[in-house]
C-alpha atoms as a PDB file:
ATOM      1  CA  UNK A   1      83.768 115.778  54.682  1.00  0.00           C
ATOM      2  CA  UNK A   2      87.590 115.934  54.775  1.00  0.00           C
ATOM      3  CA  UNK A   3      87.780 117.446  51.280  1.00  0.00           C
ATOM      4  CA  UNK A   4      85.352 120.213  52.252  1.00  0.00           C
ATOM      5  CA  UNK A   5      87.338 121.021  55.394  1.00  0.00           C
ATOM      6  CA  UNK A   6      90.695 120.946  53.587  1.00  0.00           C
ATOM      7  CA  UNK A   7      89.525 123.686  51.220  1.00  0.00           C
ATOM      8  CA  UNK A   8      88.927 125.972  54.216  1.00  0.00           C
ATOM      9  CA  UNK A   9      92.017 125.261  56.336  1.00  0.00           C
ATOM     10  CA  UNK A  10      94.201 127.993  54.822  1.00  0.00           C
ATOM     11  CA  UNK A  11      93.185 131.433  53.590  1.00  0.00           C
ATOM     12  CA  UNK A  12      96.225 133.223  52.207  1.00  0.00           C
ATOM     13  CA  UNK A  13      98.902 132.669  54.844  1.00  0.00           C
ATOM     14  CA  UNK A  14      96.420 132.269  57.689  1.00  0.00           C
ATOM     15  CA  UNK A  15      95.556 128.854  59.127  1.00  0.00           C
ATOM     16  CA  UNK A  16      92.081 128.471  60.591  1.00  0.00           C
ATOM     17  CA  UNK A  17      93.029 126.474  63.688  1.00  0.00           C
ATOM     18  CA  UNK A  18      89.486 125.313  64.453  1.00  0.00           C
ATOM     19  CA  UNK A  19      88.855 124.022  60.932  1.00  0.00           C
ATOM     20  CA  UNK A  20      92.288 122.389  60.823  1.00  0.00           C
ATOM     21  CA  UNK A  21      91.616 120.636  64.133  1.00  0.00           C
ATOM     22  CA  UNK A  22      88.290 119.395  62.746  1.00  0.00           C
ATOM     23  CA  UNK A  23      90.032 118.101  59.627  1.00  0.00           C
ATOM     24  CA  UNK A  24      92.620 116.178  61.649  1.00  0.00           C
ATOM     25  CA  UNK A  25      89.878 114.749  63.855  1.00  0.00           C
ATOM     26  CA  UNK A  26      87.882 113.611  60.820  1.00  0.00           C
ATOM     27  CA  UNK A  27      90.961 111.922  59.323  1.00  0.00           C
ATOM     28  CA  UNK A  28      91.681 110.032  62.541  1.00  0.00           C
ATOM     29  CA  UNK A  29      88.074 108.808  62.617  1.00  0.00           C
ATOM     30  CA  UNK A  30      87.923 107.850  58.933  1.00  0.00           C
ATOM     31  CA  UNK A  31      87.488 104.066  59.019  1.00  0.00           C
ATOM     32  CA  UNK A  32      87.664 103.853  55.215  1.00  0.00           C
ATOM     33  CA  UNK A  33      91.325 104.868  55.024  1.00  0.00           C
ATOM     34  CA  UNK A  34      93.468 101.749  54.465  1.00  0.00           C
ATOM     35  CA  UNK A  35      95.846 100.809  57.280  1.00  0.00           C
ATOM     36  CA  UNK A  36      98.556  98.232  56.492  1.00  0.00           C
ATOM     37  CA  UNK A  37      98.378  94.994  58.474  1.00  0.00           C
ATOM     38  CA  UNK A  38     100.720  94.891  61.443  1.00  0.00           C
ATOM     39  CA  UNK A  39     102.926  92.202  59.915  1.00  0.00           C
ATOM     40  CA  UNK A  40     103.645  94.413  56.870  1.00  0.00           C
ATOM     41  CA  UNK A  41     104.352  97.610  58.788  1.00  0.00           C
ATOM     42  CA  UNK A  42     108.126  98.194  58.904  1.00  0.00           C
ATOM     43  CA  UNK A  43     108.089 101.883  59.859  1.00  0.00           C
ATOM     44  CA  UNK A  44     107.612 101.506  63.603  1.00  0.00           C
ATOM     45  CA  UNK A  45     104.840 100.864  66.076  1.00  0.00           C
ATOM     46  CA  UNK A  46     102.325 103.283  67.509  1.00  0.00           C
ATOM     47  CA  UNK A  47      99.126 104.764  66.103  1.00  0.00           C
ATOM     48  CA  UNK A  48      99.721 104.584  62.330  1.00  0.00           C
ATOM     49  CA  UNK A  49      97.086 107.138  61.351  1.00  0.00           C
ATOM     50  CA  UNK A  50      97.582 109.259  64.459  1.00  0.00           C
ATOM     51  CA  UNK A  51     101.307 109.696  63.781  1.00  0.00           C
ATOM     52  CA  UNK A  52     100.565 110.597  60.177  1.00  0.00           C
ATOM     53  CA  UNK A  53      98.078 113.236  61.340  1.00  0.00           C
ATOM     54  CA  UNK A  54     100.613 114.636  63.802  1.00  0.00           C
ATOM     55  CA  UNK A  55     103.035 115.170  60.941  1.00  0.00           C
ATOM     56  CA  UNK A  56     100.357 116.648  58.692  1.00  0.00           C
ATOM     57  CA  UNK A  57      99.936 119.264  61.407  1.00  0.00           C
ATOM     58  CA  UNK A  58     103.703 119.877  61.410  1.00  0.00           C
ATOM     59  CA  UNK A  59     103.790 120.078  57.597  1.00  0.00           C
ATOM     60  CA  UNK A  60     101.066 122.732  57.553  1.00  0.00           C
ATOM     61  CA  UNK A  61     101.935 124.755  60.659  1.00  0.00           C
ATOM     62  CA  UNK A  62     105.745 124.572  60.534  1.00  0.00           C
ATOM     63  CA  UNK A  63     106.435 123.766  56.894  1.00  0.00           C
ATOM     64  CA  UNK A  64     103.829 125.896  55.150  1.00  0.00           C
ATOM     65  CA  UNK A  65     102.282 123.008  53.184  1.00  0.00           C
ATOM     66  CA  UNK A  66      99.220 124.093  51.207  1.00  0.00           C
ATOM     67  CA  UNK A  67      96.487 121.962  49.559  1.00  0.00           C
ATOM     68  CA  UNK A  68      97.563 122.995  46.034  1.00  0.00           C
ATOM     69  CA  UNK A  69     101.241 122.094  46.462  1.00  0.00           C
ATOM     70  CA  UNK A  70     103.231 119.608  44.406  1.00  0.00           C
ATOM     71  CA  UNK A  71     104.658 117.298  47.060  1.00  0.00           C
ATOM     72  CA  UNK A  72     107.480 114.749  47.067  1.00  0.00           C
ATOM     73  CA  UNK A  73     108.365 112.413  49.928  1.00  0.00           C
ATOM     74  CA  UNK A  74     111.760 110.720  50.023  1.00  0.00           C
ATOM     75  CA  UNK A  75     111.507 107.580  52.138  1.00  0.00           C
ATOM     76  CA  UNK A  76     107.721 107.117  52.049  1.00  0.00           C
ATOM     77  CA  UNK A  77     107.844 103.680  53.704  1.00  0.00           C
ATOM     78  CA  UNK A  78     104.401 102.127  53.686  1.00  0.00           C
ATOM     79  CA  UNK A  79     102.401 105.345  53.443  1.00  0.00           C
ATOM     80  CA  UNK A  80     102.163 106.553  57.032  1.00  0.00           C
ATOM     81  CA  UNK A  81     102.707 110.194  56.034  1.00  0.00           C
ATOM     82  CA  UNK A  82     100.966 109.898  52.668  1.00  0.00           C
ATOM     83  CA  UNK A  83      97.656 108.579  53.986  1.00  0.00           C
ATOM     84  CA  UNK A  84      96.492 111.752  55.800  1.00  0.00           C
ATOM     85  CA  UNK A  85      97.692 113.816  52.840  1.00  0.00           C
ATOM     86  CA  UNK A  86      95.038 112.125  50.679  1.00  0.00           C
ATOM     87  CA  UNK A  87      92.499 114.127  52.678  1.00  0.00           C
ATOM     88  CA  UNK A  88      94.399 117.422  52.423  1.00  0.00           C
ATOM     89  CA  UNK A  89      95.926 117.809  48.955  1.00  0.00           C
ATOM     90  CA  UNK A  90      93.472 119.136  46.379  1.00  0.00           C
ATOM     91  CA  UNK A  91      93.713 117.703  42.862  1.00  0.00           C
ATOM     92  CA  UNK A  92      94.620 118.507  40.193  1.00  0.00           C
ATOM     93  CA  UNK A  93      97.280 120.947  41.456  1.00  0.00           C
ATOM     94  CA  UNK A  94      97.804 119.171  44.758  1.00  0.00           C
ATOM     95  CA  UNK A  95      99.783 116.038  43.873  1.00  0.00           C
ATOM     96  CA  UNK A  96     102.084 113.652  45.724  1.00  0.00           C
ATOM     97  CA  UNK A  97     104.939 111.360  44.700  1.00  0.00           C
ATOM     98  CA  UNK A  98     106.585 109.037  47.209  1.00  0.00           C
ATOM     99  CA  UNK A  99     109.931 107.261  46.773  1.00  0.00           C
ATOM    100  CA  UNK A 100     111.295 104.375  48.805  1.00  0.00           C
ATOM    101  CA  UNK A 101     113.890 101.598  48.604  1.00  0.00           C
ATOM    102  CA  UNK A 102     111.575  98.970  50.151  1.00  0.00           C
ATOM    103  CA  UNK A 103     109.623  97.420  47.287  1.00  0.00           C
ATOM    104  CA  UNK A 104     107.035  95.764  49.551  1.00  0.00           C
ATOM    105  CA  UNK A 105     106.029  99.135  50.972  1.00  0.00           C
ATOM    106  CA  UNK A 106     105.742 100.692  47.524  1.00  0.00           C
ATOM    107  CA  UNK A 107     103.609  97.799  46.277  1.00  0.00           C
ATOM    108  CA  UNK A 108     101.218  98.138  49.213  1.00  0.00           C
ATOM    109  CA  UNK A 109     100.904 101.891  48.667  1.00  0.00           C
ATOM    110  CA  UNK A 110     100.290 101.448  44.941  1.00  0.00           C
ATOM    111  CA  UNK A 111      97.548  98.896  45.573  1.00  0.00           C
ATOM    112  CA  UNK A 112      95.847 100.611  48.494  1.00  0.00           C
ATOM    113  CA  UNK A 113      96.476 104.363  48.158  1.00  0.00           C
ATOM    114  CA  UNK A 114      97.368 105.230  44.550  1.00  0.00           C
ATOM    115  CA  UNK A 115      94.600 102.965  43.234  1.00  0.00           C
ATOM    116  CA  UNK A 116      92.033 105.107  45.070  1.00  0.00           C
ATOM    117  CA  UNK A 117      93.639 108.551  44.712  1.00  0.00           C
ATOM    118  CA  UNK A 118      94.673 109.529  41.202  1.00  0.00           C
ATOM    119  CA  UNK A 119      96.870 112.417  42.375  1.00  0.00           C
ATOM    120  CA  UNK A 120      99.118 110.028  44.361  1.00  0.00           C
ATOM    121  CA  UNK A 121     101.923 107.860  42.991  1.00  0.00           C
ATOM    122  CA  UNK A 122     104.602 105.669  44.566  1.00  0.00           C
ATOM    123  CA  UNK A 123     107.922 104.736  42.951  1.00  0.00           C
ATOM    124  CA  UNK A 124     110.494 102.132  43.969  1.00  0.00           C
ATOM    125  CA  UNK A 125     114.167 103.119  44.006  1.00  0.00           C
ATOM    126  CA  UNK A 126     116.404 100.052  43.990  1.00  0.00           C
ATOM    127  CA  UNK A 127     119.169 101.853  45.864  1.00  0.00           C
ATOM    128  CA  UNK A 128     121.406  99.833  48.141  1.00  0.00           C
ATOM    129  CA  UNK A 129     120.659 100.600  51.778  1.00  0.00           C
ATOM    130  CA  UNK A 130     122.388  98.686  54.549  1.00  0.00           C
ATOM    131  CA  UNK A 131     119.307  98.704  56.766  1.00  0.00           C
ATOM    132  CA  UNK A 132     116.333  98.596  54.390  1.00  0.00           C
ATOM    133  CA  UNK A 133     117.526  97.297  51.009  1.00  0.00           C
ATOM    134  CA  UNK A 134     120.865  95.459  51.358  1.00  0.00           C
ATOM    135  CA  UNK A 135     120.450  93.776  47.943  1.00  0.00           C
ATOM    136  CA  UNK A 136     119.780  97.009  46.049  1.00  0.00           C
ATOM    137  CA  UNK A 137     121.420  97.241  42.620  1.00  0.00           C
ATOM    138  CA  UNK A 138     122.296 100.942  42.683  1.00  0.00           C
ATOM    139  CA  UNK A 139     124.406 102.881  45.130  1.00  0.00           C
ATOM    140  CA  UNK A 140     122.602 105.910  46.523  1.00  0.00           C
ATOM    141  CA  UNK A 141     124.133 108.929  44.867  1.00  0.00           C
ATOM    142  CA  UNK A 142     125.032 107.238  41.579  1.00  0.00           C
ATOM    143  CA  UNK A 143     122.202 108.860  39.676  1.00  0.00           C
ATOM    144  CA  UNK A 144     119.704 111.685  39.979  1.00  0.00           C
ATOM    145  CA  UNK A 145     116.295 110.879  41.389  1.00  0.00           C
ATOM    146  CA  UNK A 146     113.729 110.313  38.615  1.00  0.00           C
ATOM    147  CA  UNK A 147     112.043 113.675  39.007  1.00  0.00           C
ATOM    148  CA  UNK A 148     112.207 116.911  37.025  1.00  0.00           C
ATOM    149  CA  UNK A 149     114.134 119.919  38.324  1.00  0.00           C
ATOM    150  CA  UNK A 150     112.412 122.952  39.889  1.00  0.00           C
ATOM    151  CA  UNK A 151     108.995 121.282  39.928  1.00  0.00           C
ATOM    152  CA  UNK A 152     108.270 120.667  43.627  1.00  0.00           C
ATOM    153  CA  UNK A 153     106.714 123.036  46.166  1.00  0.00           C
ATOM    154  CA  UNK A 154     107.170 120.917  49.281  1.00  0.00           C
ATOM    155  CA  UNK A 155     109.573 118.016  49.810  1.00  0.00           C
ATOM    156  CA  UNK A 156     109.916 116.088  53.037  1.00  0.00           C
ATOM    157  CA  UNK A 157     112.075 113.397  54.622  1.00  0.00           C
ATOM    158  CA  UNK A 158     110.920 112.078  57.995  1.00  0.00           C
ATOM    159  CA  UNK A 159     113.300 109.717  59.790  1.00  0.00           C
ATOM    160  CA  UNK A 160     115.446 109.295  56.670  1.00  0.00           C
ATOM    161  CA  UNK A 161     118.755 111.044  57.359  1.00  0.00           C
ATOM    162  CA  UNK A 162     118.640 109.322  60.761  1.00  0.00           C
ATOM    163  CA  UNK A 163     119.638 106.166  58.837  1.00  0.00           C
ATOM    164  CA  UNK A 164     122.207 107.655  56.436  1.00  0.00           C
ATOM    165  CA  UNK A 165     125.902 108.471  56.415  1.00  0.00           C
ATOM    166  CA  UNK A 166     127.229 111.949  55.504  1.00  0.00           C
ATOM    167  CA  UNK A 167     127.716 111.127  51.817  1.00  0.00           C
ATOM    168  CA  UNK A 168     124.164 109.922  51.252  1.00  0.00           C
ATOM    169  CA  UNK A 169     122.768 112.766  53.364  1.00  0.00           C
ATOM    170  CA  UNK A 170     124.585 115.284  51.173  1.00  0.00           C
ATOM    171  CA  UNK A 171     123.235 113.537  48.072  1.00  0.00           C
ATOM    172  CA  UNK A 172     119.612 113.812  49.204  1.00  0.00           C
ATOM    173  CA  UNK A 173     120.003 117.451  50.241  1.00  0.00           C
ATOM    174  CA  UNK A 174     121.502 118.214  46.827  1.00  0.00           C
ATOM    175  CA  UNK A 175     118.708 116.373  45.024  1.00  0.00           C
ATOM    176  CA  UNK A 176     116.072 118.107  47.132  1.00  0.00           C
ATOM    177  CA  UNK A 177     117.486 121.478  46.127  1.00  0.00           C
ATOM    178  CA  UNK A 178     117.471 120.473  42.469  1.00  0.00           C
ATOM    179  CA  UNK A 179     113.829 119.372  42.557  1.00  0.00           C
ATOM    180  CA  UNK A 180     112.468 122.317  44.554  1.00  0.00           C
ATOM    181  CA  UNK A 181     111.030 125.348  42.833  1.00  0.00           C
ATOM    182  CA  UNK A 182     112.601 128.684  43.797  1.00  0.00           C
ATOM    183  CA  UNK A 183     111.343 129.366  47.359  1.00  0.00           C
ATOM    184  CA  UNK A 184     110.189 125.723  47.666  1.00  0.00           C
ATOM    185  CA  UNK A 185     110.553 124.139  51.094  1.00  0.00           C
ATOM    186  CA  UNK A 186     112.241 121.045  52.506  1.00  0.00           C
ATOM    187  CA  UNK A 187     111.010 119.516  55.785  1.00  0.00           C
ATOM    188  CA  UNK A 188     113.530 117.177  57.467  1.00  0.00           C
ATOM    189  CA  UNK A 189     113.653 115.350  60.791  1.00  0.00           C
ATOM    190  CA  UNK A 190     117.047 114.467  62.259  1.00  0.00           C
ATOM    191  CA  UNK A 191     119.085 113.906  65.403  1.00  0.00           C
ATOM    192  CA  UNK A 192     121.209 117.066  65.630  1.00  0.00           C
ATOM    193  CA  UNK A 193     124.085 117.612  68.023  1.00  0.00           C
ATOM    194  CA  UNK A 194     124.494 121.226  69.028  1.00  0.00           C
ATOM    195  CA  UNK A 195     126.220 122.110  72.312  1.00  0.00           C
ATOM    196  CA  UNK A 196     123.057 121.652  74.385  1.00  0.00           C
ATOM    197  CA  UNK A 197     122.209 118.249  72.922  1.00  0.00           C
ATOM    198  CA  UNK A 198     125.811 117.072  73.278  1.00  0.00           C
ATOM    199  CA  UNK A 199     125.693 117.946  76.967  1.00  0.00           C
ATOM    200  CA  UNK A 200     122.472 115.973  77.425  1.00  0.00           C
ATOM    201  CA  UNK A 201     123.864 112.964  75.549  1.00  0.00           C
ATOM    202  CA  UNK A 202     127.021 113.026  77.689  1.00  0.00           C
ATOM    203  CA  UNK A 203     124.872 113.215  80.833  1.00  0.00           C
ATOM    204  CA  UNK A 204     122.999 110.071  79.794  1.00  0.00           C
ATOM    205  CA  UNK A 205     119.674 111.849  79.353  1.00  0.00           C
ATOM    206  CA  UNK A 206     119.213 111.204  75.619  1.00  0.00           C
ATOM    207  CA  UNK A 207     117.559 108.280  73.850  1.00  0.00           C
ATOM    208  CA  UNK A 208     119.066 107.120  71.544  1.00  0.00           C
ATOM    209  CA  UNK A 209     122.292 107.308  73.533  1.00  0.00           C
ATOM    210  CA  UNK A 210     124.760 108.205  70.798  1.00  0.00           C
ATOM    211  CA  UNK A 211     128.456 107.408  71.109  1.00  0.00           C
ATOM    212  CA  UNK A 212     130.254 110.732  70.823  1.00  0.00           C
ATOM    213  CA  UNK A 213     133.711 109.301  70.274  1.00  0.00           C
ATOM    214  CA  UNK A 214     135.170 109.761  66.817  1.00  0.00           C
ATOM    215  CA  UNK A 215     135.754 112.745  64.599  1.00  0.00           C
ATOM    216  CA  UNK A 216     132.195 113.098  63.301  1.00  0.00           C
ATOM    217  CA  UNK A 217     130.263 114.596  61.654  1.00  0.00           C
ATOM    218  CA  UNK A 218     128.084 111.500  62.170  1.00  0.00           C
ATOM    219  CA  UNK A 219     127.625 109.478  65.350  1.00  0.00           C
ATOM    220  CA  UNK A 220     125.887 106.152  65.931  1.00  0.00           C
ATOM    221  CA  UNK A 221     123.970 104.673  68.855  1.00  0.00           C
ATOM    222  CA  UNK A 222     124.404 100.939  68.133  1.00  0.00           C
ATOM    223  CA  UNK A 223     127.800  99.724  66.974  1.00  0.00           C
ATOM    224  CA  UNK A 224     126.320  96.382  65.877  1.00  0.00           C
ATOM    225  CA  UNK A 225     123.687  98.133  63.735  1.00  0.00           C
ATOM    226  CA  UNK A 226     125.280 101.463  62.812  1.00  0.00           C
ATOM    227  CA  UNK A 227     122.513 102.699  60.507  1.00  0.00           C
ATOM    228  CA  UNK A 228     119.741 102.054  63.044  1.00  0.00           C
ATOM    229  CA  UNK A 229     120.148 105.592  64.418  1.00  0.00           C
ATOM    230  CA  UNK A 230     122.544 108.276  63.179  1.00  0.00           C
ATOM    231  CA  UNK A 231     123.086 111.762  64.598  1.00  0.00           C
ATOM    232  CA  UNK A 232     124.935 114.633  62.932  1.00  0.00           C
ATOM    233  CA  UNK A 233     126.869 117.643  64.141  1.00  0.00           C
ATOM    234  CA  UNK A 234     124.311 120.428  63.812  1.00  0.00           C
ATOM    235  CA  UNK A 235     126.845 122.836  62.301  1.00  0.00           C
ATOM    236  CA  UNK A 236     127.866 120.257  59.685  1.00  0.00           C
ATOM    237  CA  UNK A 237     124.256 119.471  58.767  1.00  0.00           C
ATOM    238  CA  UNK A 238     123.210 123.110  58.438  1.00  0.00           C
ATOM    239  CA  UNK A 239     126.405 124.003  56.593  1.00  0.00           C
ATOM    240  CA  UNK A 240     125.920 121.141  54.145  1.00  0.00           C
ATOM    241  CA  UNK A 241     122.342 122.230  53.484  1.00  0.00           C
ATOM    242  CA  UNK A 242     123.482 125.816  52.986  1.00  0.00           C
ATOM    243  CA  UNK A 243     126.152 124.693  50.518  1.00  0.00           C
ATOM    244  CA  UNK A 244     123.420 123.052  48.428  1.00  0.00           C
ATOM    245  CA  UNK A 245     121.392 126.280  48.322  1.00  0.00           C
ATOM    246  CA  UNK A 246     119.101 125.715  51.314  1.00  0.00           C
ATOM    247  CA  UNK A 247     118.653 128.037  54.275  1.00  0.00           C
ATOM    248  CA  UNK A 248     116.648 127.589  57.462  1.00  0.00           C
ATOM    249  CA  UNK A 249     113.211 129.114  57.047  1.00  0.00           C
ATOM    250  CA  UNK A 250     112.531 129.019  60.810  1.00  0.00           C
ATOM    251  CA  UNK A 251     114.477 128.063  63.955  1.00  0.00           C
ATOM    252  CA  UNK A 252     115.048 124.343  64.505  1.00  0.00           C
ATOM    253  CA  UNK A 253     112.226 122.714  66.493  1.00  0.00           C
ATOM    254  CA  UNK A 254     114.287 120.497  68.772  1.00  0.00           C
ATOM    255  CA  UNK A 255     112.766 117.152  69.739  1.00  0.00           C
ATOM    256  CA  UNK A 256     112.408 115.279  72.997  1.00  0.00           C
ATOM    257  CA  UNK A 257     114.875 112.496  72.074  1.00  0.00           C
ATOM    258  CA  UNK A 258     117.516 114.492  73.963  1.00  0.00           C
ATOM    259  CA  UNK A 259     115.112 115.284  76.859  1.00  0.00           C
ATOM    260  CA  UNK A 260     115.587 118.938  75.934  1.00  0.00           C
ATOM    261  CA  UNK A 261     111.985 119.904  75.218  1.00  0.00           C
ATOM    262  CA  UNK A 262     108.552 118.361  74.920  1.00  0.00           C
ATOM    263  CA  UNK A 263     107.443 118.017  71.328  1.00  0.00           C
ATOM    264  CA  UNK A 264     108.188 115.848  68.347  1.00  0.00           C
ATOM    265  CA  UNK A 265     110.631 112.985  68.971  1.00  0.00           C
ATOM    266  CA  UNK A 266     113.241 114.047  66.415  1.00  0.00           C
ATOM    267  CA  UNK A 267     114.514 117.538  65.640  1.00  0.00           C
ATOM    268  CA  UNK A 268     112.640 119.315  62.835  1.00  0.00           C
ATOM    269  CA  UNK A 269     114.314 121.545  60.243  1.00  0.00           C
ATOM    270  CA  UNK A 270     112.400 123.519  57.628  1.00  0.00           C
ATOM    271  CA  UNK A 271     114.618 124.763  54.806  1.00  0.00           C
ATOM    272  CA  UNK A 272     113.747 127.068  51.941  1.00  0.00           C
ATOM    273  CA  UNK A 273     115.506 126.983  48.615  1.00  0.00           C
ATOM    274  CA  UNK A 274     117.413 130.143  47.895  1.00  0.00           C
ATOM    275  CA  UNK A 275     116.219 132.212  44.951  1.00  0.00           C
ATOM    276  CA  UNK A 276     119.615 131.743  43.335  1.00  0.00           C
ATOM    277  CA  UNK A 277     121.658 128.580  43.691  1.00  0.00           C
ATOM    278  CA  UNK A 278     125.003 128.968  45.440  1.00  0.00           C
END
């Protein structure tokens, strides 16, 4: 059922909203899709499949994801975003590769998702990460990601740069640009501090409540666990992306973490790779 609906969601650049809504509903009701046991889920609480479907909607409606796209996810966790994509991407052109530093999550995805869907693969990156892989052998940024250049249509990072410092964030933006085809797109969620969000943080209306002392461009919410939540100066983040050859494809969809708008929790940026690298 889902495969039949997925074929009809997009015609050209037009999304059939009714068919897309039916597809998302069928995914949420699909009792055969594997859900990781609660004790193995390290990506947060809430409705595992429901959150994945919410982001599939964002990927399609905001990011321009199409069923025939070659997709890469950096920070795939334990498959929360990948699982709904199994019902949307159309093999053989529509393929997915997920990377993560948490080996247990990759192993679960290999056994429960990739084993059933031949166009999905999951790869472990043994990068050191203070929060998720403190014993990692490699420093993030030491080497290129194991993926060919200019081969990806759609790359996404959800709640990844929210746990990174400026150096690692720059590294992943640079690698994303390298992997994207000309006009390929990058979908990123982040905590971004423009003037409006800074005002709301200062007024105590934002959660996380970031500490705005310091020179930036990054700011933390928990001094005991600095990588638990990281915000960036919006100008720095956009400028860094632009320096790598990425430009905003649409206005930022600001999230409700700052109490600014109702919508997704984090801020959403959709970048497009420039035709020519800067």
